[in-house]
């Protein structure tokens, strides 16, 4: 495998700072233009586009596709830790988001949450885990810890538009766990398959947000 060019390495190193810095004014402008709810939706649409666009540009389509193969890396030597890291975020989301809110949210919100969760998880794994795996394979700082910090910081952007009912710290803690844990798991296994499934399961528990922010409602409803 050829070494990534200096330009790709620079782009991958800057992304953890650039993405939150770029998306904050995008979200704010979208809210000013479309209102809180539709602006939030437009902001995420722009974010997902950015995730896929930068992942394809920096990692390249062939390498990005290869990352979603069956894991066959050294994670098989530490299966208990690997599985625990994968399962902790979905377990937390089921306990704190899905179970308390699913009945009130309704069936439509549950299906909407699944669609949004899968969309978000795949886009984020391509950018935050896929790009570092291609450009900085097996590098602890640039390939794991630095992207995890940027992934956590990015969550401050949507929180500035739609605050979470329990405050920002539980969201940031969950994002940090996903960033660190799934970054480690992806690097160890050499694959995005397992972390993408676990991430999608976690994000698909957001039935409250699906009902209040993503589904058509009469008027603007805060998350």
N, C-alpha and C. Protein backbone atom coordinates (compact mmCIF):
# COMPACT_ATOMS: atom_id res chain seq x y z
N UNK A 1 0.84 -1.19 0.00
CA UNK A 1 0.00 0.00 0.00
C UNK A 1 0.88 1.24 0.00
N UNK A 2 0.62 2.16 -0.92
CA UNK A 2 1.41 3.38 -1.01
C UNK A 2 1.10 4.30 0.16
N UNK A 3 2.10 5.07 0.56
CA UNK A 3 1.93 6.00 1.66
C UNK A 3 1.08 7.18 1.20
N UNK A 4 0.10 7.63 2.02
CA UNK A 4 -0.72 8.77 1.63
C UNK A 4 0.13 10.01 1.39
N UNK A 5 -0.29 10.83 0.45
CA UNK A 5 0.46 12.03 0.12
C UNK A 5 0.47 12.99 1.30
N UNK A 6 1.41 13.94 1.25
CA UNK A 6 1.52 14.94 2.31
C UNK A 6 0.25 15.77 2.41
N UNK A 7 -0.39 16.02 1.28
CA UNK A 7 -1.62 16.81 1.28
C UNK A 7 -2.74 16.05 2.00
N UNK A 8 -2.86 14.77 1.76
CA UNK A 8 -3.89 13.96 2.43
C UNK A 8 -3.60 13.85 3.92
N UNK A 9 -2.35 13.72 4.28
CA UNK A 9 -2.00 13.67 5.69
C UNK A 9 -2.34 15.00 6.38
N UNK A 10 -2.06 16.09 5.71
CA UNK A 10 -2.38 17.40 6.29
C UNK A 10 -3.90 17.55 6.45
N UNK A 11 -4.64 17.15 5.42
CA UNK A 11 -6.10 17.26 5.48
C UNK A 11 -6.66 16.42 6.62
N UNK A 12 -6.16 15.19 6.77
CA UNK A 12 -6.64 14.31 7.83
C UNK A 12 -6.29 14.85 9.21
N UNK A 13 -5.13 15.48 9.33
CA UNK A 13 -4.71 16.04 10.62
C UNK A 13 -5.52 17.27 11.00
N UNK A 14 -5.99 18.02 10.01
CA UNK A 14 -6.72 19.26 10.27
C UNK A 14 -8.20 19.02 10.49
N UNK A 15 -8.74 17.93 9.96
CA UNK A 15 -10.18 17.68 10.01
C UNK A 15 -10.78 17.75 11.42
N UNK A 16 -10.16 17.20 12.46
CA UNK A 16 -10.78 17.27 13.79
C UNK A 16 -11.00 18.68 14.30
N UNK A 17 -10.23 19.63 13.82
CA UNK A 17 -10.45 21.04 14.19
C UNK A 17 -11.37 21.71 13.18
N UNK A 18 -11.17 21.40 11.91
CA UNK A 18 -11.89 22.10 10.85
C UNK A 18 -13.38 21.78 10.85
N UNK A 19 -13.74 20.53 11.10
CA UNK A 19 -15.15 20.15 11.00
C UNK A 19 -16.01 20.92 12.02
N UNK A 20 -15.68 20.93 13.32
CA UNK A 20 -16.49 21.74 14.25
C UNK A 20 -16.46 23.23 13.90
N UNK A 21 -15.29 23.72 13.49
CA UNK A 21 -15.17 25.14 13.18
C UNK A 21 -16.01 25.54 11.97
N UNK A 22 -16.11 24.67 10.99
CA UNK A 22 -16.89 24.96 9.79
C UNK A 22 -18.38 24.77 10.06
N UNK A 23 -18.72 23.71 10.79
CA UNK A 23 -20.13 23.38 10.96
C UNK A 23 -20.86 24.32 11.91
N UNK A 24 -20.16 24.96 12.82
CA UNK A 24 -20.85 25.88 13.74
C UNK A 24 -21.51 27.03 13.00
N UNK A 25 -20.80 27.78 12.14
CA UNK A 25 -21.49 28.83 11.39
C UNK A 25 -22.52 28.29 10.40
N UNK A 26 -22.29 27.08 9.88
CA UNK A 26 -23.28 26.48 8.97
C UNK A 26 -24.59 26.25 9.71
N UNK A 27 -24.53 25.66 10.88
CA UNK A 27 -25.73 25.43 11.68
C UNK A 27 -26.41 26.74 12.04
N UNK A 28 -25.63 27.72 12.46
CA UNK A 28 -26.22 28.99 12.87
C UNK A 28 -26.90 29.69 11.69
N UNK A 29 -26.27 29.66 10.53
CA UNK A 29 -26.87 30.27 9.36
C UNK A 29 -28.13 29.53 8.94
N UNK A 30 -28.10 28.19 9.04
CA UNK A 30 -29.28 27.40 8.68
C UNK A 30 -30.45 27.72 9.60
N UNK A 31 -30.17 27.88 10.88
CA UNK A 31 -31.23 28.21 11.83
C UNK A 31 -31.79 29.61 11.56
N UNK A 32 -30.92 30.55 11.26
CA UNK A 32 -31.40 31.90 10.93
C UNK A 32 -32.26 31.88 9.67
N UNK A 33 -31.91 31.02 8.74
CA UNK A 33 -32.62 30.98 7.46
C UNK A 33 -33.91 30.20 7.55
N UNK A 34 -33.90 29.05 8.25
CA UNK A 34 -35.04 28.14 8.21
C UNK A 34 -35.77 27.96 9.54
N UNK A 35 -35.24 28.53 10.62
CA UNK A 35 -35.83 28.31 11.93
C UNK A 35 -35.14 27.18 12.67
N UNK A 36 -35.49 27.03 13.94
CA UNK A 36 -34.78 26.08 14.79
C UNK A 36 -34.86 24.65 14.27
N UNK A 37 -36.05 24.16 14.00
CA UNK A 37 -36.20 22.75 13.64
C UNK A 37 -35.67 22.45 12.25
N UNK A 38 -36.15 23.19 11.27
CA UNK A 38 -35.69 22.93 9.90
C UNK A 38 -34.22 23.33 9.72
N UNK A 39 -33.79 24.32 10.44
CA UNK A 39 -32.38 24.69 10.38
C UNK A 39 -31.48 23.61 10.94
N UNK A 40 -31.93 22.99 12.02
CA UNK A 40 -31.20 21.87 12.61
C UNK A 40 -31.11 20.71 11.61
N UNK A 41 -32.21 20.42 10.94
CA UNK A 41 -32.21 19.36 9.93
C UNK A 41 -31.27 19.70 8.78
N UNK A 42 -31.33 20.95 8.33
CA UNK A 42 -30.46 21.37 7.23
C UNK A 42 -28.99 21.31 7.65
N UNK A 43 -28.72 21.67 8.90
CA UNK A 43 -27.35 21.59 9.39
C UNK A 43 -26.81 20.19 9.36
N UNK A 44 -27.63 19.23 9.77
CA UNK A 44 -27.18 17.84 9.74
C UNK A 44 -27.03 17.32 8.31
N UNK A 45 -27.90 17.75 7.42
CA UNK A 45 -27.74 17.35 6.02
C UNK A 45 -26.41 17.85 5.48
N UNK A 46 -26.04 19.09 5.84
CA UNK A 46 -24.74 19.63 5.41
C UNK A 46 -23.59 18.85 6.06
N UNK A 47 -23.77 18.49 7.31
CA UNK A 47 -22.74 17.73 8.03
C UNK A 47 -22.52 16.37 7.39
N UNK A 48 -23.60 15.65 7.09
CA UNK A 48 -23.46 14.34 6.46
C UNK A 48 -22.80 14.46 5.08
N UNK A 49 -23.16 15.49 4.35
CA UNK A 49 -22.52 15.72 3.05
C UNK A 49 -21.03 15.98 3.21
N UNK A 50 -20.69 16.77 4.23
CA UNK A 50 -19.28 17.04 4.49
C UNK A 50 -18.53 15.77 4.89
N UNK A 51 -19.15 14.96 5.75
CA UNK A 51 -18.50 13.71 6.18
C UNK A 51 -18.15 12.83 4.98
N UNK A 52 -19.14 12.58 4.13
CA UNK A 52 -18.90 11.71 2.99
C UNK A 52 -17.96 12.35 1.98
N UNK A 53 -18.14 13.65 1.74
CA UNK A 53 -17.29 14.33 0.77
C UNK A 53 -15.82 14.30 1.17
N UNK A 54 -15.53 14.62 2.44
CA UNK A 54 -14.15 14.63 2.90
C UNK A 54 -13.59 13.21 3.00
N UNK A 55 -14.42 12.26 3.42
CA UNK A 55 -13.94 10.88 3.51
C UNK A 55 -13.55 10.35 2.13
N UNK A 56 -14.39 10.61 1.14
CA UNK A 56 -14.09 10.14 -0.22
C UNK A 56 -12.88 10.87 -0.80
N UNK A 57 -12.77 12.17 -0.51
CA UNK A 57 -11.67 12.96 -1.06
C UNK A 57 -10.33 12.60 -0.43
N UNK A 58 -10.32 12.39 0.89
CA UNK A 58 -9.06 12.16 1.60
C UNK A 58 -8.67 10.68 1.60
N UNK A 59 -9.62 9.81 1.89
CA UNK A 59 -9.30 8.38 1.95
C UNK A 59 -9.35 7.73 0.57
N UNK A 60 -10.25 8.20 -0.28
CA UNK A 60 -10.43 7.60 -1.60
C UNK A 60 -11.49 6.52 -1.59
N UNK A 61 -12.34 6.46 -2.61
CA UNK A 61 -13.43 5.47 -2.63
C UNK A 61 -12.98 4.02 -2.48
N UNK A 62 -11.95 3.55 -3.19
CA UNK A 62 -11.59 2.13 -3.06
C UNK A 62 -11.19 1.75 -1.64
N UNK A 63 -10.35 2.56 -0.99
CA UNK A 63 -9.91 2.24 0.36
C UNK A 63 -11.06 2.35 1.34
N UNK A 64 -11.95 3.33 1.12
CA UNK A 64 -13.07 3.51 2.04
C UNK A 64 -14.00 2.30 1.99
N UNK A 65 -14.26 1.81 0.78
CA UNK A 65 -15.13 0.63 0.64
C UNK A 65 -14.51 -0.59 1.32
N UNK A 66 -13.19 -0.75 1.19
CA UNK A 66 -12.51 -1.90 1.79
C UNK A 66 -12.64 -1.94 3.30
N UNK A 67 -12.84 -0.78 3.92
CA UNK A 67 -12.88 -0.74 5.39
C UNK A 67 -14.12 -1.41 5.96
N UNK A 68 -15.17 -1.58 5.14
CA UNK A 68 -16.38 -2.23 5.65
C UNK A 68 -16.38 -3.74 5.37
N UNK A 69 -15.23 -4.35 5.48
CA UNK A 69 -15.16 -5.79 5.36
C UNK A 69 -15.26 -6.42 6.74
N UNK A 70 -15.37 -7.74 6.78
CA UNK A 70 -15.44 -8.45 8.05
C UNK A 70 -14.15 -8.26 8.83
N UNK A 71 -14.23 -7.91 10.11
CA UNK A 71 -13.01 -7.71 10.91
C UNK A 71 -12.15 -8.98 10.95
N UNK A 72 -10.85 -8.80 10.74
CA UNK A 72 -9.96 -9.95 10.82
C UNK A 72 -8.65 -9.57 11.48
N UNK A 73 -8.65 -8.42 12.16
CA UNK A 73 -7.43 -7.92 12.77
C UNK A 73 -7.18 -8.49 14.16
N UNK A 74 -6.23 -7.90 14.89
CA UNK A 74 -5.82 -8.43 16.20
C UNK A 74 -6.86 -8.30 17.29
N UNK A 75 -8.02 -7.68 16.98
CA UNK A 75 -9.07 -7.60 18.00
C UNK A 75 -9.56 -8.99 18.38
N UNK A 76 -9.38 -9.96 17.49
CA UNK A 76 -9.82 -11.32 17.80
C UNK A 76 -9.04 -11.88 18.99
N UNK A 77 -7.90 -11.29 19.33
CA UNK A 77 -7.12 -11.75 20.46
C UNK A 77 -7.65 -11.20 21.78
N UNK A 78 -8.51 -10.18 21.73
CA UNK A 78 -9.05 -9.56 22.94
C UNK A 78 -10.56 -9.39 22.75
N UNK A 79 -11.22 -10.50 22.54
CA UNK A 79 -12.63 -10.45 22.15
C UNK A 79 -13.51 -9.87 23.24
N UNK A 80 -13.23 -10.18 24.51
CA UNK A 80 -14.05 -9.65 25.59
C UNK A 80 -14.02 -8.15 25.65
N UNK A 81 -12.84 -7.56 25.61
CA UNK A 81 -12.70 -6.11 25.63
C UNK A 81 -13.31 -5.50 24.39
N UNK A 82 -13.07 -6.10 23.25
CA UNK A 82 -13.60 -5.60 21.98
C UNK A 82 -15.13 -5.55 22.01
N UNK A 83 -15.76 -6.62 22.44
CA UNK A 83 -17.21 -6.67 22.49
C UNK A 83 -17.77 -5.70 23.54
N UNK A 84 -17.07 -5.61 24.67
CA UNK A 84 -17.52 -4.68 25.70
C UNK A 84 -17.51 -3.25 25.23
N UNK A 85 -16.48 -2.85 24.53
CA UNK A 85 -16.37 -1.49 24.00
C UNK A 85 -17.48 -1.23 22.98
N UNK A 86 -17.78 -2.22 22.16
CA UNK A 86 -18.83 -2.05 21.16
C UNK A 86 -20.21 -1.93 21.80
N UNK A 87 -20.46 -2.70 22.84
CA UNK A 87 -21.81 -2.80 23.41
C UNK A 87 -22.14 -1.73 24.43
N UNK A 88 -21.15 -1.09 25.02
CA UNK A 88 -21.42 -0.10 26.07
C UNK A 88 -22.26 1.07 25.58
N UNK A 89 -21.93 1.74 24.47
CA UNK A 89 -22.77 2.86 24.03
C UNK A 89 -24.20 2.46 23.67
N UNK A 90 -24.43 1.36 22.91
CA UNK A 90 -25.83 0.99 22.67
C UNK A 90 -26.59 0.67 23.95
N UNK A 91 -25.94 0.01 24.89
CA UNK A 91 -26.61 -0.31 26.15
C UNK A 91 -27.01 0.97 26.89
N UNK A 92 -26.11 1.95 26.91
CA UNK A 92 -26.43 3.22 27.56
C UNK A 92 -27.56 3.95 26.86
N UNK A 93 -27.55 3.93 25.52
CA UNK A 93 -28.60 4.62 24.76
C UNK A 93 -29.95 3.95 24.93
N UNK A 94 -29.96 2.63 24.96
CA UNK A 94 -31.22 1.91 25.17
C UNK A 94 -31.81 2.26 26.54
N UNK A 95 -30.94 2.33 27.54
CA UNK A 95 -31.39 2.59 28.91
C UNK A 95 -31.86 4.03 29.10
N UNK A 96 -31.13 4.98 28.54
CA UNK A 96 -31.43 6.39 28.83
C UNK A 96 -32.32 7.06 27.79
N UNK A 97 -32.36 6.54 26.56
CA UNK A 97 -33.11 7.20 25.49
C UNK A 97 -34.28 6.36 24.97
N UNK A 98 -34.01 5.12 24.62
CA UNK A 98 -35.05 4.32 23.97
C UNK A 98 -36.16 3.90 24.94
N UNK A 99 -35.79 3.25 26.02
CA UNK A 99 -36.81 2.73 26.95
C UNK A 99 -37.66 3.85 27.55
N UNK A 100 -37.09 4.95 28.03
CA UNK A 100 -37.94 5.99 28.63
C UNK A 100 -38.83 6.74 27.64
N UNK A 101 -38.46 6.74 26.34
CA UNK A 101 -39.14 7.62 25.39
C UNK A 101 -39.89 6.92 24.27
N UNK A 102 -39.67 5.62 24.07
CA UNK A 102 -40.20 4.95 22.88
C UNK A 102 -41.72 4.96 22.85
N UNK A 103 -42.38 4.65 23.96
CA UNK A 103 -43.84 4.56 23.96
C UNK A 103 -44.46 5.93 23.67
N UNK A 104 -43.96 6.97 24.31
CA UNK A 104 -44.49 8.31 24.09
C UNK A 104 -44.21 8.81 22.68
N UNK A 105 -43.03 8.45 22.15
CA UNK A 105 -42.64 8.92 20.82
C UNK A 105 -43.51 8.30 19.73
N UNK A 106 -43.84 7.02 19.86
CA UNK A 106 -44.68 6.38 18.87
C UNK A 106 -43.88 5.60 17.83
N UNK A 107 -44.60 4.77 17.08
CA UNK A 107 -43.97 3.88 16.10
C UNK A 107 -43.27 4.65 14.99
N UNK A 108 -43.91 5.71 14.51
CA UNK A 108 -43.30 6.49 13.42
C UNK A 108 -41.96 7.07 13.83
N UNK A 109 -41.89 7.57 15.05
CA UNK A 109 -40.63 8.13 15.54
C UNK A 109 -39.56 7.06 15.68
N UNK A 110 -39.96 5.85 16.08
CA UNK A 110 -39.01 4.76 16.20
C UNK A 110 -38.38 4.45 14.85
N UNK A 111 -39.21 4.34 13.80
CA UNK A 111 -38.66 4.06 12.47
C UNK A 111 -37.84 5.24 11.93
N UNK A 112 -38.30 6.45 12.23
CA UNK A 112 -37.53 7.63 11.82
C UNK A 112 -36.17 7.65 12.50
N UNK A 113 -36.14 7.30 13.79
CA UNK A 113 -34.88 7.27 14.53
C UNK A 113 -33.91 6.26 13.94
N UNK A 114 -34.43 5.12 13.49
CA UNK A 114 -33.56 4.11 12.88
C UNK A 114 -32.94 4.65 11.60
N UNK A 115 -33.76 5.28 10.75
CA UNK A 115 -33.23 5.84 9.51
C UNK A 115 -32.19 6.91 9.75
N UNK A 116 -32.49 7.81 10.68
CA UNK A 116 -31.56 8.90 11.00
C UNK A 116 -30.29 8.33 11.64
N UNK A 117 -30.48 7.35 12.55
CA UNK A 117 -29.34 6.78 13.24
C UNK A 117 -28.37 6.08 12.30
N UNK A 118 -28.89 5.31 11.37
CA UNK A 118 -28.04 4.61 10.40
C UNK A 118 -27.33 5.62 9.50
N UNK A 119 -28.07 6.62 9.04
CA UNK A 119 -27.48 7.64 8.17
C UNK A 119 -26.34 8.36 8.87
N UNK A 120 -26.57 8.77 10.11
CA UNK A 120 -25.56 9.51 10.86
C UNK A 120 -24.35 8.64 11.17
N UNK A 121 -24.61 7.41 11.61
CA UNK A 121 -23.51 6.53 12.00
C UNK A 121 -22.58 6.22 10.84
N UNK A 122 -23.13 5.90 9.68
CA UNK A 122 -22.29 5.57 8.53
C UNK A 122 -21.46 6.77 8.09
N UNK A 123 -22.08 7.95 8.07
CA UNK A 123 -21.35 9.15 7.66
C UNK A 123 -20.22 9.45 8.65
N UNK A 124 -20.52 9.34 9.95
CA UNK A 124 -19.51 9.65 10.95
C UNK A 124 -18.39 8.62 10.98
N UNK A 125 -18.71 7.36 10.81
CA UNK A 125 -17.65 6.35 10.79
C UNK A 125 -16.74 6.54 9.59
N UNK A 126 -17.31 6.91 8.45
CA UNK A 126 -16.48 7.14 7.26
C UNK A 126 -15.46 8.26 7.51
N UNK A 127 -15.91 9.33 8.16
CA UNK A 127 -15.02 10.47 8.38
C UNK A 127 -14.11 10.28 9.59
N UNK A 128 -14.72 10.02 10.76
CA UNK A 128 -13.96 10.07 12.01
C UNK A 128 -13.12 8.83 12.27
N UNK A 129 -13.51 7.69 11.76
CA UNK A 129 -12.70 6.49 11.92
C UNK A 129 -12.07 6.05 10.60
N UNK A 130 -12.81 6.18 9.48
CA UNK A 130 -12.29 5.71 8.21
C UNK A 130 -11.08 6.48 7.72
N UNK A 131 -11.17 7.80 7.73
CA UNK A 131 -10.05 8.61 7.24
C UNK A 131 -8.78 8.36 8.05
N UNK A 132 -8.82 8.40 9.40
CA UNK A 132 -7.59 8.11 10.15
C UNK A 132 -7.04 6.71 9.90
N UNK A 133 -7.92 5.72 9.69
CA UNK A 133 -7.44 4.36 9.44
C UNK A 133 -6.66 4.28 8.13
N UNK A 134 -7.10 5.04 7.14
CA UNK A 134 -6.42 5.02 5.84
C UNK A 134 -5.14 5.84 5.86
N UNK A 135 -5.22 7.03 6.43
CA UNK A 135 -4.10 7.97 6.35
C UNK A 135 -3.07 7.73 7.46
N UNK A 136 -3.53 7.39 8.65
CA UNK A 136 -2.63 7.19 9.79
C UNK A 136 -2.84 5.81 10.42
N UNK A 137 -2.64 4.74 9.69
CA UNK A 137 -2.92 3.40 10.23
C UNK A 137 -2.02 3.08 11.42
N UNK A 138 -2.67 2.60 12.51
CA UNK A 138 -1.97 2.15 13.71
C UNK A 138 -1.16 3.25 14.40
N UNK A 139 -1.50 4.51 14.15
CA UNK A 139 -0.82 5.61 14.84
C UNK A 139 -1.72 6.09 15.98
N UNK A 140 -1.18 6.10 17.18
CA UNK A 140 -1.98 6.33 18.37
C UNK A 140 -2.55 7.73 18.44
N UNK A 141 -1.74 8.73 18.17
CA UNK A 141 -2.18 10.13 18.32
C UNK A 141 -3.05 10.54 17.14
N UNK A 142 -2.48 10.59 15.95
CA UNK A 142 -3.19 11.10 14.78
C UNK A 142 -4.25 10.12 14.28
N UNK A 143 -4.08 8.85 14.52
CA UNK A 143 -5.01 7.86 14.01
C UNK A 143 -6.12 7.47 14.96
N UNK A 144 -6.02 7.92 16.24
CA UNK A 144 -7.01 7.49 17.23
C UNK A 144 -7.42 8.62 18.18
N UNK A 145 -6.47 9.13 18.98
CA UNK A 145 -6.83 10.08 20.03
C UNK A 145 -7.25 11.44 19.49
N UNK A 146 -6.54 11.95 18.52
CA UNK A 146 -6.87 13.25 17.94
C UNK A 146 -8.23 13.24 17.25
N UNK A 147 -8.54 12.26 16.40
CA UNK A 147 -9.89 12.20 15.83
C UNK A 147 -10.98 12.03 16.89
N UNK A 148 -10.69 11.28 17.96
CA UNK A 148 -11.68 11.10 19.02
C UNK A 148 -11.99 12.43 19.70
N UNK A 149 -10.99 13.26 19.89
CA UNK A 149 -11.19 14.58 20.49
C UNK A 149 -12.03 15.46 19.57
N UNK A 150 -11.72 15.43 18.27
CA UNK A 150 -12.50 16.22 17.31
C UNK A 150 -13.93 15.74 17.22
N UNK A 151 -14.14 14.42 17.26
CA UNK A 151 -15.48 13.86 17.22
C UNK A 151 -16.29 14.33 18.42
N UNK A 152 -15.68 14.34 19.58
CA UNK A 152 -16.36 14.81 20.78
C UNK A 152 -16.69 16.29 20.68
N UNK A 153 -15.72 17.08 20.23
CA UNK A 153 -15.92 18.54 20.12
C UNK A 153 -17.02 18.88 19.11
N UNK A 154 -17.13 18.09 18.06
CA UNK A 154 -18.16 18.35 17.05
C UNK A 154 -19.56 18.38 17.66
N UNK A 155 -19.79 17.55 18.67
CA UNK A 155 -21.13 17.47 19.25
C UNK A 155 -21.56 18.75 19.95
N UNK A 156 -20.62 19.64 20.24
CA UNK A 156 -20.98 20.94 20.79
C UNK A 156 -21.76 21.78 19.78
N UNK A 157 -21.58 21.50 18.50
CA UNK A 157 -22.26 22.29 17.46
C UNK A 157 -23.76 22.07 17.49
N UNK A 158 -24.27 20.85 17.31
CA UNK A 158 -25.72 20.68 17.39
C UNK A 158 -26.28 20.99 18.78
N UNK A 159 -25.49 20.77 19.83
CA UNK A 159 -25.96 21.10 21.18
C UNK A 159 -26.17 22.59 21.36
N UNK A 160 -25.42 23.40 20.60
CA UNK A 160 -25.60 24.85 20.70
C UNK A 160 -26.91 25.30 20.07
N UNK A 161 -27.50 24.44 19.22
CA UNK A 161 -28.76 24.78 18.55
C UNK A 161 -29.94 24.11 19.26
N UNK A 162 -29.78 22.85 19.61
CA UNK A 162 -30.84 22.07 20.28
C UNK A 162 -30.25 21.46 21.55
N UNK A 163 -30.31 22.13 22.68
CA UNK A 163 -29.76 21.57 23.92
C UNK A 163 -30.46 20.27 24.30
N UNK A 164 -29.71 19.37 24.88
CA UNK A 164 -30.29 18.11 25.34
C UNK A 164 -30.99 18.32 26.67
N UNK A 165 -32.11 17.63 26.92
CA UNK A 165 -32.84 17.81 28.19
C UNK A 165 -31.98 17.58 29.42
N UNK A 166 -31.01 16.67 29.34
CA UNK A 166 -30.15 16.39 30.50
C UNK A 166 -28.88 17.21 30.50
N UNK A 167 -28.75 18.16 29.56
CA UNK A 167 -27.56 18.97 29.51
C UNK A 167 -26.53 18.42 28.53
N UNK A 168 -25.46 19.15 28.35
CA UNK A 168 -24.47 18.78 27.35
C UNK A 168 -23.51 17.68 27.81
N UNK A 169 -23.27 17.57 29.11
CA UNK A 169 -22.23 16.66 29.57
C UNK A 169 -22.53 15.19 29.31
N UNK A 170 -23.76 14.72 29.51
CA UNK A 170 -24.01 13.32 29.15
C UNK A 170 -23.78 13.03 27.66
N UNK A 171 -24.14 13.98 26.81
CA UNK A 171 -23.92 13.81 25.37
C UNK A 171 -22.43 13.78 25.06
N UNK A 172 -21.68 14.70 25.65
CA UNK A 172 -20.24 14.74 25.39
C UNK A 172 -19.53 13.51 25.96
N UNK A 173 -20.00 13.04 27.10
CA UNK A 173 -19.41 11.82 27.66
C UNK A 173 -19.66 10.63 26.73
N UNK A 174 -20.90 10.50 26.24
CA UNK A 174 -21.20 9.42 25.31
C UNK A 174 -20.39 9.54 24.03
N UNK A 175 -20.26 10.75 23.51
CA UNK A 175 -19.47 10.96 22.29
C UNK A 175 -18.00 10.62 22.53
N UNK A 176 -17.49 10.99 23.69
CA UNK A 176 -16.10 10.67 24.01
C UNK A 176 -15.87 9.17 24.10
N UNK A 177 -16.83 8.46 24.71
CA UNK A 177 -16.71 7.00 24.80
C UNK A 177 -16.72 6.36 23.41
N UNK A 178 -17.61 6.86 22.55
CA UNK A 178 -17.66 6.32 21.19
C UNK A 178 -16.38 6.66 20.43
N UNK A 179 -15.93 7.90 20.54
CA UNK A 179 -14.73 8.31 19.83
C UNK A 179 -13.51 7.50 20.23
N UNK A 180 -13.30 7.36 21.53
CA UNK A 180 -12.13 6.61 22.01
C UNK A 180 -12.30 5.11 21.79
N UNK A 181 -13.46 4.59 22.20
CA UNK A 181 -13.67 3.15 22.12
C UNK A 181 -13.76 2.64 20.71
N UNK A 182 -14.56 3.29 19.89
CA UNK A 182 -14.74 2.81 18.52
C UNK A 182 -13.51 3.10 17.67
N UNK A 183 -12.78 4.16 18.00
CA UNK A 183 -11.52 4.41 17.31
C UNK A 183 -10.52 3.30 17.58
N UNK A 184 -10.45 2.88 18.84
CA UNK A 184 -9.56 1.77 19.19
C UNK A 184 -10.01 0.49 18.51
N UNK A 185 -11.30 0.21 18.56
CA UNK A 185 -11.82 -1.03 17.98
C UNK A 185 -11.60 -1.08 16.47
N UNK A 186 -11.81 0.05 15.81
CA UNK A 186 -11.61 0.09 14.36
C UNK A 186 -10.15 -0.13 14.01
N UNK A 187 -9.25 0.53 14.74
CA UNK A 187 -7.83 0.36 14.47
C UNK A 187 -7.38 -1.07 14.75
N UNK A 188 -7.87 -1.67 15.83
CA UNK A 188 -7.46 -3.02 16.18
C UNK A 188 -7.95 -4.06 15.18
N UNK A 189 -9.19 -3.87 14.71
CA UNK A 189 -9.78 -4.86 13.81
C UNK A 189 -9.45 -4.59 12.35
N UNK A 190 -9.10 -3.34 12.04
CA UNK A 190 -8.86 -2.98 10.64
C UNK A 190 -10.13 -2.88 9.83
N UNK A 191 -11.27 -2.70 10.50
CA UNK A 191 -12.56 -2.70 9.82
C UNK A 191 -13.51 -1.71 10.48
N UNK A 192 -14.42 -1.16 9.67
CA UNK A 192 -15.48 -0.29 10.18
C UNK A 192 -16.80 -1.03 10.36
N UNK A 193 -16.85 -2.31 10.03
CA UNK A 193 -18.11 -3.02 10.04
C UNK A 193 -18.73 -3.09 11.43
N UNK A 194 -17.99 -3.61 12.39
CA UNK A 194 -18.54 -3.79 13.74
C UNK A 194 -18.86 -2.46 14.40
N UNK A 195 -17.97 -1.49 14.27
CA UNK A 195 -18.22 -0.20 14.93
C UNK A 195 -19.37 0.54 14.26
N UNK A 196 -19.57 0.36 12.97
CA UNK A 196 -20.68 1.00 12.29
C UNK A 196 -22.02 0.44 12.77
N UNK A 197 -22.08 -0.89 12.93
CA UNK A 197 -23.31 -1.51 13.42
C UNK A 197 -23.62 -1.04 14.83
N UNK A 198 -22.61 -1.02 15.70
CA UNK A 198 -22.81 -0.59 17.07
C UNK A 198 -23.18 0.89 17.15
N UNK A 199 -22.53 1.70 16.35
CA UNK A 199 -22.82 3.14 16.32
C UNK A 199 -24.24 3.39 15.82
N UNK A 200 -24.64 2.67 14.77
CA UNK A 200 -26.00 2.82 14.25
C UNK A 200 -27.04 2.40 15.29
N UNK A 201 -26.76 1.33 16.03
CA UNK A 201 -27.67 0.91 17.09
C UNK A 201 -27.80 1.97 18.16
N UNK A 202 -26.70 2.60 18.50
CA UNK A 202 -26.71 3.67 19.51
C UNK A 202 -27.54 4.85 19.05
N UNK A 203 -27.25 5.33 17.85
CA UNK A 203 -27.93 6.53 17.35
C UNK A 203 -29.41 6.26 17.05
N UNK A 204 -29.75 5.02 16.75
CA UNK A 204 -31.14 4.68 16.45
C UNK A 204 -32.05 4.71 17.67
N UNK A 205 -31.47 4.88 18.84
CA UNK A 205 -32.27 4.98 20.07
C UNK A 205 -32.82 6.39 20.28
N UNK A 206 -32.47 7.33 19.42
CA UNK A 206 -32.88 8.72 19.61
C UNK A 206 -34.30 9.00 19.19
N UNK A 207 -35.25 8.29 19.79
CA UNK A 207 -36.66 8.44 19.40
C UNK A 207 -37.25 9.78 19.84
N UNK A 208 -36.77 10.31 20.96
CA UNK A 208 -37.27 11.61 21.41
C UNK A 208 -36.90 12.70 20.42
N UNK A 209 -35.64 12.70 19.98
CA UNK A 209 -35.21 13.69 19.00
C UNK A 209 -35.91 13.50 17.67
N UNK A 210 -36.14 12.25 17.28
CA UNK A 210 -36.85 11.99 16.02
C UNK A 210 -38.25 12.59 16.06
N UNK A 211 -38.94 12.42 17.17
CA UNK A 211 -40.30 12.95 17.29
C UNK A 211 -40.30 14.48 17.35
N UNK A 212 -39.40 15.06 18.13
CA UNK A 212 -39.45 16.50 18.39
C UNK A 212 -38.78 17.34 17.33
N UNK A 213 -37.80 16.77 16.62
CA UNK A 213 -37.00 17.57 15.70
C UNK A 213 -37.16 17.16 14.25
N UNK A 214 -37.25 15.84 14.00
CA UNK A 214 -37.17 15.36 12.63
C UNK A 214 -38.52 15.11 11.96
N UNK A 215 -39.52 14.73 12.72
CA UNK A 215 -40.83 14.47 12.12
C UNK A 215 -41.61 15.76 11.92
N UNK A 216 -42.48 15.80 10.91
CA UNK A 216 -43.31 17.01 10.69
C UNK A 216 -44.19 17.29 11.91
N UNK A 217 -44.16 18.53 12.35
CA UNK A 217 -44.98 18.94 13.49
C UNK A 217 -45.61 20.29 13.17
N UNK A 218 -46.60 20.63 13.95
CA UNK A 218 -47.23 21.94 13.77
C UNK A 218 -46.47 22.97 14.59
N UNK A 219 -45.57 23.69 13.93
CA UNK A 219 -44.77 24.69 14.62
C UNK A 219 -43.41 24.15 15.00
N UNK A 220 -42.57 25.00 15.47
CA UNK A 220 -41.22 24.63 15.88
C UNK A 220 -41.26 24.04 17.27
N UNK A 221 -40.59 22.88 17.46
CA UNK A 221 -40.53 22.24 18.76
C UNK A 221 -39.08 22.07 19.15
N UNK A 222 -38.75 22.56 20.32
CA UNK A 222 -37.36 22.42 20.78
C UNK A 222 -37.09 21.01 21.21
N UNK A 223 -35.79 20.54 20.95
CA UNK A 223 -35.42 19.19 21.32
C UNK A 223 -35.27 19.00 22.79
